[in-house]
Amino acid sequence: MFLTLVLQARAQTSGTQSLVGRRAPEFVRRDLTGHNLDLARLHGKVVLLNFWATWCAPCQIEMPMFARWQEQYGPQQLAVIGISMDDDSEPVRRMIHAQRIVYPIAMGDATLGQRYGGVLGLPLTFLIDRNGIVRAKFQGETDPGKIETSLRNLLDSH
């Protein structure tokens, strides 16, 4: 039984790891303002895709930083997208209003999480290049400098 659980955990982890260097799974969702959020339409932009939840303390720390980056690097074709893994949108709406988050936020679910290798811990952030290829993955509380360095490298590479 223990060996089975270890193998399942490794398979789930390796599924997430295997996205780096591969095309990002496409999705279309309605964001919380009612607009379509279509990953395919962001081709040509660098995408910071962040899975988060209202109960996740590191997520709450990252979100204002991501909003600043959207403002700072948006002219260089950065698109920040948040995917809330909360079950209910009302706490999400309250939080993004309180934190003045202006980048698009959509609600996630197990299906979308599985397409991204399984969202086993939050926050989970992917950096996707202008051609739709996942170039980096950051899971859990991460040094913001590491994320920003990778982000700037992608923005500068075009």
N, C-alpha and C. Protein backbone atom coordinates (compact mmCIF):
# COMPACT_ATOMS: atom_id res chain seq x y z
N MET A 1 0.83 -1.20 0.00
CA MET A 1 0.00 0.00 0.00
C MET A 1 0.87 1.26 0.00
N PHE A 2 1.87 1.32 0.89
CA PHE A 2 2.76 2.47 0.96
C PHE A 2 3.47 2.70 -0.36
N LEU A 3 3.98 1.61 -0.97
CA LEU A 3 4.68 1.73 -2.25
C LEU A 3 3.76 2.29 -3.32
N THR A 4 2.51 1.87 -3.32
CA THR A 4 1.54 2.37 -4.29
C THR A 4 1.35 3.88 -4.13
N LEU A 5 1.24 4.34 -2.87
CA LEU A 5 1.07 5.78 -2.64
C LEU A 5 2.30 6.56 -3.08
N VAL A 6 3.48 6.03 -2.83
CA VAL A 6 4.71 6.70 -3.25
C VAL A 6 4.77 6.78 -4.77
N LEU A 7 4.44 5.69 -5.46
CA LEU A 7 4.47 5.70 -6.92
C LEU A 7 3.44 6.65 -7.49
N GLN A 8 2.26 6.71 -6.87
CA GLN A 8 1.23 7.66 -7.34
C GLN A 8 1.71 9.09 -7.15
N ALA A 9 2.31 9.38 -6.00
CA ALA A 9 2.82 10.73 -5.74
C ALA A 9 3.90 11.09 -6.74
N ARG A 10 4.80 10.15 -7.04
CA ARG A 10 5.85 10.43 -8.03
C ARG A 10 5.26 10.66 -9.41
N ALA A 11 4.26 9.87 -9.77
CA ALA A 11 3.63 10.03 -11.09
C ALA A 11 2.97 11.40 -11.18
N GLN A 12 2.30 11.84 -10.10
CA GLN A 12 1.65 13.14 -10.14
C GLN A 12 2.68 14.25 -10.20
N THR A 13 3.75 14.13 -9.43
CA THR A 13 4.79 15.15 -9.45
C THR A 13 5.48 15.19 -10.80
N SER A 14 5.80 14.03 -11.35
CA SER A 14 6.48 14.03 -12.64
C SER A 14 5.57 14.55 -13.74
N GLY A 15 4.26 14.38 -13.59
CA GLY A 15 3.33 14.93 -14.57
C GLY A 15 3.42 16.44 -14.61
N THR A 16 3.53 17.07 -13.44
CA THR A 16 3.68 18.51 -13.39
C THR A 16 5.02 18.92 -13.96
N GLN A 17 6.09 18.21 -13.57
CA GLN A 17 7.42 18.53 -14.06
C GLN A 17 7.49 18.41 -15.57
N SER A 18 6.79 17.43 -16.12
CA SER A 18 6.89 17.18 -17.55
C SER A 18 6.30 18.32 -18.38
N LEU A 19 5.57 19.23 -17.79
CA LEU A 19 5.03 20.36 -18.56
C LEU A 19 6.12 21.33 -18.98
N VAL A 20 7.19 21.43 -18.20
CA VAL A 20 8.26 22.36 -18.55
C VAL A 20 8.89 21.88 -19.86
N GLY A 21 8.92 22.79 -20.83
CA GLY A 21 9.43 22.47 -22.16
C GLY A 21 8.36 21.98 -23.11
N ARG A 22 7.13 21.89 -22.64
CA ARG A 22 6.02 21.42 -23.49
C ARG A 22 4.98 22.52 -23.63
N ARG A 23 4.10 22.34 -24.62
CA ARG A 23 3.03 23.32 -24.84
C ARG A 23 2.10 23.35 -23.62
N ALA A 24 1.76 24.55 -23.20
CA ALA A 24 0.83 24.71 -22.08
C ALA A 24 -0.55 24.22 -22.49
N PRO A 25 -1.21 23.45 -21.63
CA PRO A 25 -2.57 23.03 -21.95
C PRO A 25 -3.49 24.24 -22.12
N GLU A 26 -4.19 24.28 -23.23
CA GLU A 26 -5.07 25.42 -23.49
C GLU A 26 -6.37 25.28 -22.70
N PHE A 27 -6.97 26.41 -22.43
CA PHE A 27 -8.25 26.43 -21.73
C PHE A 27 -8.97 27.73 -22.07
N VAL A 28 -10.27 27.69 -21.93
CA VAL A 28 -11.11 28.89 -22.04
C VAL A 28 -11.99 28.88 -20.80
N ARG A 29 -11.97 29.97 -20.08
CA ARG A 29 -12.77 30.13 -18.86
C ARG A 29 -13.36 31.54 -18.87
N ARG A 30 -14.44 31.71 -18.16
CA ARG A 30 -14.96 33.06 -17.91
C ARG A 30 -14.24 33.59 -16.68
N ASP A 31 -13.70 34.81 -16.78
CA ASP A 31 -13.10 35.39 -15.59
C ASP A 31 -14.21 35.95 -14.70
N LEU A 32 -13.85 36.47 -13.56
CA LEU A 32 -14.87 36.92 -12.60
C LEU A 32 -15.60 38.17 -13.03
N THR A 33 -15.13 38.81 -14.11
CA THR A 33 -15.86 39.97 -14.65
C THR A 33 -16.76 39.55 -15.81
N GLY A 34 -16.75 38.25 -16.15
CA GLY A 34 -17.62 37.74 -17.21
C GLY A 34 -16.99 37.69 -18.59
N HIS A 35 -15.73 38.06 -18.70
CA HIS A 35 -15.04 38.03 -19.99
C HIS A 35 -14.40 36.66 -20.22
N ASN A 36 -14.32 36.27 -21.49
CA ASN A 36 -13.64 35.02 -21.83
C ASN A 36 -12.14 35.17 -21.61
N LEU A 37 -11.58 34.18 -20.99
CA LEU A 37 -10.14 34.10 -20.76
C LEU A 37 -9.66 32.89 -21.54
N ASP A 38 -9.05 33.15 -22.68
CA ASP A 38 -8.65 32.11 -23.63
C ASP A 38 -7.13 32.11 -23.74
N LEU A 39 -6.49 31.08 -23.21
CA LEU A 39 -5.03 31.03 -23.22
C LEU A 39 -4.48 31.11 -24.64
N ALA A 40 -5.14 30.49 -25.60
CA ALA A 40 -4.66 30.50 -26.98
C ALA A 40 -4.59 31.92 -27.55
N ARG A 41 -5.47 32.80 -27.10
CA ARG A 41 -5.47 34.18 -27.60
C ARG A 41 -4.32 35.02 -27.06
N LEU A 42 -3.58 34.45 -26.12
CA LEU A 42 -2.45 35.17 -25.55
C LEU A 42 -1.13 34.81 -26.24
N HIS A 43 -1.24 34.07 -27.35
CA HIS A 43 -0.05 33.73 -28.13
C HIS A 43 0.67 35.02 -28.51
N GLY A 44 1.98 35.04 -28.33
CA GLY A 44 2.76 36.25 -28.59
C GLY A 44 3.08 37.02 -27.33
N LYS A 45 2.44 36.63 -26.21
CA LYS A 45 2.72 37.25 -24.92
C LYS A 45 3.39 36.24 -24.01
N VAL A 46 4.11 36.74 -23.03
CA VAL A 46 4.61 35.89 -21.95
C VAL A 46 3.49 35.84 -20.92
N VAL A 47 3.15 34.64 -20.48
CA VAL A 47 2.05 34.45 -19.54
C VAL A 47 2.58 33.95 -18.20
N LEU A 48 2.17 34.62 -17.14
CA LEU A 48 2.39 34.14 -15.79
C LEU A 48 1.05 33.58 -15.34
N LEU A 49 0.97 32.26 -15.22
CA LEU A 49 -0.26 31.57 -14.85
C LEU A 49 -0.12 31.10 -13.41
N ASN A 50 -0.96 31.65 -12.53
CA ASN A 50 -0.84 31.39 -11.10
C ASN A 50 -2.10 30.71 -10.56
N PHE A 51 -1.92 29.49 -10.03
CA PHE A 51 -2.99 28.79 -9.32
C PHE A 51 -2.87 29.17 -7.85
N TRP A 52 -3.98 29.57 -7.23
CA TRP A 52 -3.96 30.08 -5.87
C TRP A 52 -5.30 29.83 -5.18
N ALA A 53 -5.38 30.18 -3.90
CA ALA A 53 -6.64 30.10 -3.16
C ALA A 53 -6.64 31.17 -2.07
N THR A 54 -7.81 31.57 -1.63
CA THR A 54 -7.94 32.63 -0.63
C THR A 54 -7.36 32.22 0.71
N TRP A 55 -7.35 30.94 1.03
CA TRP A 55 -6.85 30.46 2.33
C TRP A 55 -5.33 30.27 2.34
N CYS A 56 -4.67 30.51 1.22
CA CYS A 56 -3.23 30.27 1.06
C CYS A 56 -2.47 31.56 1.37
N ALA A 57 -1.75 31.59 2.51
CA ALA A 57 -1.01 32.80 2.91
C ALA A 57 0.05 33.22 1.89
N PRO A 58 0.89 32.29 1.38
CA PRO A 58 1.88 32.72 0.37
C PRO A 58 1.21 33.28 -0.89
N CYS A 59 0.04 32.76 -1.22
CA CYS A 59 -0.69 33.27 -2.40
C CYS A 59 -1.06 34.73 -2.19
N GLN A 60 -1.51 35.06 -0.99
CA GLN A 60 -1.92 36.43 -0.70
C GLN A 60 -0.74 37.39 -0.76
N ILE A 61 0.45 36.89 -0.47
CA ILE A 61 1.65 37.72 -0.56
C ILE A 61 2.04 37.95 -2.02
N GLU A 62 1.91 36.90 -2.84
CA GLU A 62 2.32 37.00 -4.25
C GLU A 62 1.41 37.88 -5.10
N MET A 63 0.13 37.84 -4.83
CA MET A 63 -0.83 38.50 -5.73
C MET A 63 -0.56 39.99 -5.95
N PRO A 64 -0.32 40.79 -4.92
CA PRO A 64 -0.01 42.20 -5.18
C PRO A 64 1.27 42.37 -5.99
N MET A 65 2.24 41.49 -5.77
CA MET A 65 3.48 41.53 -6.54
C MET A 65 3.19 41.24 -8.00
N PHE A 66 2.37 40.23 -8.28
CA PHE A 66 2.01 39.90 -9.65
C PHE A 66 1.27 41.06 -10.30
N ALA A 67 0.42 41.74 -9.52
CA ALA A 67 -0.30 42.91 -10.05
C ALA A 67 0.69 44.02 -10.43
N ARG A 68 1.71 44.24 -9.60
CA ARG A 68 2.74 45.25 -9.93
C ARG A 68 3.48 44.85 -11.20
N TRP A 69 3.81 43.56 -11.31
CA TRP A 69 4.51 43.10 -12.50
C TRP A 69 3.65 43.28 -13.74
N GLN A 70 2.33 43.03 -13.62
CA GLN A 70 1.45 43.23 -14.77
C GLN A 70 1.52 44.67 -15.22
N GLU A 71 1.50 45.57 -14.26
CA GLU A 71 1.58 47.00 -14.60
C GLU A 71 2.96 47.36 -15.18
N GLN A 72 4.01 46.85 -14.56
CA GLN A 72 5.37 47.18 -14.97
C GLN A 72 5.76 46.56 -16.30
N TYR A 73 5.44 45.27 -16.46
CA TYR A 73 5.89 44.53 -17.65
C TYR A 73 4.80 44.33 -18.71
N GLY A 74 3.60 44.78 -18.42
CA GLY A 74 2.52 44.66 -19.40
C GLY A 74 2.86 45.25 -20.75
N PRO A 75 3.51 46.44 -20.78
CA PRO A 75 3.90 47.00 -22.08
C PRO A 75 4.89 46.13 -22.86
N GLN A 76 5.58 45.22 -22.16
CA GLN A 76 6.48 44.28 -22.83
C GLN A 76 5.76 42.98 -23.18
N GLN A 77 4.45 43.01 -23.11
CA GLN A 77 3.60 41.88 -23.48
C GLN A 77 3.56 40.77 -22.43
N LEU A 78 3.48 41.14 -21.15
CA LEU A 78 3.22 40.19 -20.07
C LEU A 78 1.72 40.12 -19.84
N ALA A 79 1.21 38.91 -19.66
CA ALA A 79 -0.18 38.70 -19.27
C ALA A 79 -0.18 37.83 -18.01
N VAL A 80 -0.65 38.39 -16.90
CA VAL A 80 -0.80 37.63 -15.66
C VAL A 80 -2.22 37.10 -15.60
N ILE A 81 -2.35 35.82 -15.27
CA ILE A 81 -3.66 35.19 -15.13
C ILE A 81 -3.68 34.46 -13.80
N GLY A 82 -4.72 34.67 -13.03
CA GLY A 82 -4.92 33.95 -11.78
C GLY A 82 -6.02 32.92 -11.92
N ILE A 83 -5.78 31.73 -11.38
CA ILE A 83 -6.79 30.68 -11.36
C ILE A 83 -7.02 30.33 -9.89
N SER A 84 -8.18 30.71 -9.38
CA SER A 84 -8.51 30.41 -7.99
C SER A 84 -9.00 28.97 -7.88
N MET A 85 -8.44 28.25 -6.93
CA MET A 85 -8.85 26.87 -6.69
C MET A 85 -9.85 26.79 -5.54
N ASP A 86 -10.43 27.93 -5.15
CA ASP A 86 -11.49 27.95 -4.15
C ASP A 86 -12.74 27.32 -4.71
N ASP A 87 -13.60 26.83 -3.83
CA ASP A 87 -14.85 26.21 -4.25
C ASP A 87 -15.93 27.24 -4.56
N ASP A 88 -15.85 28.41 -3.96
CA ASP A 88 -16.88 29.43 -4.08
C ASP A 88 -16.24 30.74 -4.55
N SER A 89 -16.88 31.43 -5.46
CA SER A 89 -16.30 32.65 -6.01
C SER A 89 -16.45 33.88 -5.10
N GLU A 90 -17.38 33.86 -4.16
CA GLU A 90 -17.60 35.06 -3.34
C GLU A 90 -16.38 35.46 -2.51
N PRO A 91 -15.74 34.53 -1.78
CA PRO A 91 -14.52 34.93 -1.05
C PRO A 91 -13.42 35.42 -2.00
N VAL A 92 -13.38 34.86 -3.19
CA VAL A 92 -12.39 35.26 -4.19
C VAL A 92 -12.66 36.70 -4.61
N ARG A 93 -13.90 37.00 -4.91
CA ARG A 93 -14.27 38.36 -5.30
C ARG A 93 -13.91 39.37 -4.20
N ARG A 94 -14.21 39.01 -2.95
CA ARG A 94 -13.89 39.92 -1.84
C ARG A 94 -12.39 40.16 -1.74
N MET A 95 -11.62 39.08 -1.89
CA MET A 95 -10.18 39.20 -1.74
C MET A 95 -9.56 40.03 -2.86
N ILE A 96 -9.97 39.77 -4.10
CA ILE A 96 -9.36 40.54 -5.20
C ILE A 96 -9.78 42.01 -5.14
N HIS A 97 -10.97 42.26 -4.62
CA HIS A 97 -11.41 43.65 -4.44
C HIS A 97 -10.57 44.32 -3.34
N ALA A 98 -10.40 43.63 -2.22
CA ALA A 98 -9.64 44.19 -1.10
C ALA A 98 -8.17 44.43 -1.48
N GLN A 99 -7.60 43.54 -2.28
CA GLN A 99 -6.20 43.69 -2.68
C GLN A 99 -6.02 44.48 -3.97
N ARG A 100 -7.14 44.91 -4.56
CA ARG A 100 -7.11 45.71 -5.79
C ARG A 100 -6.36 44.98 -6.92
N ILE A 101 -6.68 43.72 -7.08
CA ILE A 101 -6.07 42.91 -8.14
C ILE A 101 -6.84 43.18 -9.43
N VAL A 102 -6.15 43.60 -10.46
CA VAL A 102 -6.82 43.97 -11.70
C VAL A 102 -6.56 43.00 -12.85
N TYR A 103 -5.62 42.06 -12.67
CA TYR A 103 -5.42 41.09 -13.74
C TYR A 103 -6.55 40.05 -13.68
N PRO A 104 -6.82 39.35 -14.79
CA PRO A 104 -7.95 38.44 -14.84
C PRO A 104 -7.81 37.25 -13.88
N ILE A 105 -8.91 36.96 -13.20
CA ILE A 105 -9.00 35.82 -12.29
C ILE A 105 -10.17 34.96 -12.75
N ALA A 106 -9.93 33.68 -12.90
CA ALA A 106 -10.99 32.72 -13.23
C ALA A 106 -11.01 31.64 -12.16
N MET A 107 -12.11 30.96 -12.07
CA MET A 107 -12.23 29.86 -11.12
C MET A 107 -11.70 28.58 -11.77
N GLY A 108 -10.90 27.86 -11.01
CA GLY A 108 -10.38 26.58 -11.48
C GLY A 108 -11.19 25.43 -10.92
N ASP A 109 -10.83 24.24 -11.33
CA ASP A 109 -11.46 23.03 -10.82
C ASP A 109 -10.48 21.87 -11.00
N ALA A 110 -10.90 20.69 -10.56
CA ALA A 110 -10.01 19.52 -10.63
C ALA A 110 -9.60 19.21 -12.07
N THR A 111 -10.50 19.40 -13.02
CA THR A 111 -10.18 19.09 -14.42
C THR A 111 -9.05 19.98 -14.93
N LEU A 112 -9.16 21.29 -14.69
CA LEU A 112 -8.10 22.19 -15.12
C LEU A 112 -6.81 21.89 -14.37
N GLY A 113 -6.92 21.64 -13.09
CA GLY A 113 -5.75 21.29 -12.29
C GLY A 113 -5.04 20.06 -12.85
N GLN A 114 -5.79 19.05 -13.23
CA GLN A 114 -5.20 17.83 -13.80
C GLN A 114 -4.50 18.11 -15.12
N ARG A 115 -5.06 19.00 -15.91
CA ARG A 115 -4.43 19.34 -17.19
C ARG A 115 -3.06 19.97 -16.98
N TYR A 116 -2.87 20.58 -15.81
CA TYR A 116 -1.58 21.17 -15.47
C TYR A 116 -0.77 20.26 -14.53
N GLY A 117 -1.03 18.97 -14.61
CA GLY A 117 -0.22 18.00 -13.89
C GLY A 117 -0.68 17.73 -12.47
N GLY A 118 -1.80 18.27 -12.09
CA GLY A 118 -2.29 18.10 -10.72
C GLY A 118 -1.80 19.24 -9.85
N VAL A 119 -2.73 19.96 -9.29
CA VAL A 119 -2.38 21.08 -8.41
C VAL A 119 -2.37 20.52 -7.00
N LEU A 120 -1.18 20.07 -6.59
CA LEU A 120 -1.05 19.38 -5.31
C LEU A 120 -0.66 20.31 -4.17
N GLY A 121 -0.29 21.50 -4.46
CA GLY A 121 0.07 22.49 -3.44
C GLY A 121 -0.01 23.87 -4.04
N LEU A 122 -0.34 24.83 -3.20
CA LEU A 122 -0.48 26.20 -3.66
C LEU A 122 0.49 27.08 -2.90
N PRO A 123 0.93 28.16 -3.52
CA PRO A 123 0.68 28.56 -4.90
C PRO A 123 1.45 27.70 -5.88
N LEU A 124 0.97 27.71 -7.11
CA LEU A 124 1.63 27.01 -8.22
C LEU A 124 1.62 27.98 -9.39
N THR A 125 2.82 28.32 -9.88
CA THR A 125 2.95 29.32 -10.93
C THR A 125 3.73 28.76 -12.10
N PHE A 126 3.20 28.98 -13.29
CA PHE A 126 3.87 28.59 -14.52
C PHE A 126 4.21 29.84 -15.31
N LEU A 127 5.39 29.85 -15.92
CA LEU A 127 5.75 30.89 -16.87
C LEU A 127 5.71 30.27 -18.26
N ILE A 128 4.95 30.88 -19.14
CA ILE A 128 4.72 30.37 -20.49
C ILE A 128 5.27 31.39 -21.47
N ASP A 129 6.09 30.91 -22.42
CA ASP A 129 6.72 31.85 -23.36
C ASP A 129 5.75 32.31 -24.44
N ARG A 130 6.22 33.16 -25.31
CA ARG A 130 5.38 33.76 -26.35
C ARG A 130 4.83 32.76 -27.36
N ASN A 131 5.44 31.56 -27.39
CA ASN A 131 4.98 30.51 -28.29
C ASN A 131 4.10 29.48 -27.60
N GLY A 132 3.74 29.73 -26.34
CA GLY A 132 2.85 28.82 -25.62
C GLY A 132 3.56 27.65 -24.95
N ILE A 133 4.88 27.73 -24.80
CA ILE A 133 5.64 26.65 -24.17
C ILE A 133 5.90 27.00 -22.71
N VAL A 134 5.64 26.04 -21.82
CA VAL A 134 5.92 26.24 -20.40
C VAL A 134 7.43 26.25 -20.22
N ARG A 135 7.96 27.32 -19.65
CA ARG A 135 9.41 27.46 -19.48
C ARG A 135 9.85 27.35 -18.02
N ALA A 136 8.92 27.53 -17.08
CA ALA A 136 9.29 27.41 -15.66
C ALA A 136 8.05 27.09 -14.84
N LYS A 137 8.32 26.42 -13.72
CA LYS A 137 7.26 26.08 -12.76
C LYS A 137 7.79 26.40 -11.37
N PHE A 138 6.97 27.06 -10.57
CA PHE A 138 7.32 27.39 -9.20
C PHE A 138 6.19 26.88 -8.30
N GLN A 139 6.51 25.98 -7.39
CA GLN A 139 5.49 25.41 -6.50
C GLN A 139 5.79 25.80 -5.07
N GLY A 140 4.75 26.23 -4.37
CA GLY A 140 4.90 26.61 -2.98
C GLY A 140 5.49 28.01 -2.86
N GLU A 141 5.79 28.36 -1.63
CA GLU A 141 6.38 29.68 -1.36
C GLU A 141 7.74 29.75 -2.04
N THR A 142 7.90 30.72 -2.92
CA THR A 142 9.10 30.83 -3.75
C THR A 142 9.68 32.23 -3.61
N ASP A 143 10.98 32.32 -3.69
CA ASP A 143 11.65 33.61 -3.68
C ASP A 143 11.16 34.42 -4.89
N PRO A 144 10.53 35.56 -4.64
CA PRO A 144 10.01 36.35 -5.77
C PRO A 144 11.08 36.75 -6.77
N GLY A 145 12.32 36.93 -6.30
CA GLY A 145 13.41 37.29 -7.20
C GLY A 145 13.66 36.22 -8.25
N LYS A 146 13.50 34.96 -7.88
CA LYS A 146 13.70 33.87 -8.84
C LYS A 146 12.62 33.90 -9.93
N ILE A 147 11.39 34.14 -9.49
CA ILE A 147 10.30 34.21 -10.47
C ILE A 147 10.52 35.40 -11.40
N GLU A 148 10.85 36.55 -10.83
CA GLU A 148 11.03 37.75 -11.65
C GLU A 148 12.21 37.61 -12.61
N THR A 149 13.29 36.98 -12.16
CA THR A 149 14.43 36.78 -13.06
C THR A 149 14.04 35.92 -14.25
N SER A 150 13.33 34.83 -14.00
CA SER A 150 12.86 33.98 -15.10
C SER A 150 11.91 34.73 -16.01
N LEU A 151 11.03 35.51 -15.40
CA LEU A 151 10.06 36.30 -16.16
C LEU A 151 10.78 37.31 -17.06
N ARG A 152 11.73 38.03 -16.51
CA ARG A 152 12.46 39.03 -17.30
C ARG A 152 13.25 38.38 -18.43
N ASN A 153 13.82 37.20 -18.16
CA ASN A 153 14.54 36.49 -19.22
C ASN A 153 13.61 36.15 -20.38
N LEU A 154 12.40 35.73 -20.07
CA LEU A 154 11.44 35.42 -21.14
C LEU A 154 11.02 36.68 -21.89
N LEU A 155 10.80 37.75 -21.14
CA LEU A 155 10.39 38.99 -21.80
C LEU A 155 11.50 39.54 -22.69
N ASP A 156 12.74 39.38 -22.27
CA ASP A 156 13.89 39.90 -23.03
C ASP A 156 14.29 39.01 -24.20
N SER A 157 13.81 37.77 -24.21
CA SER A 157 14.26 36.83 -25.24
C SER A 157 13.56 37.02 -26.60
N HIS A 158 12.69 37.96 -26.69
CA HIS A 158 12.00 38.18 -27.97
C HIS A 158 12.43 39.44 -28.62
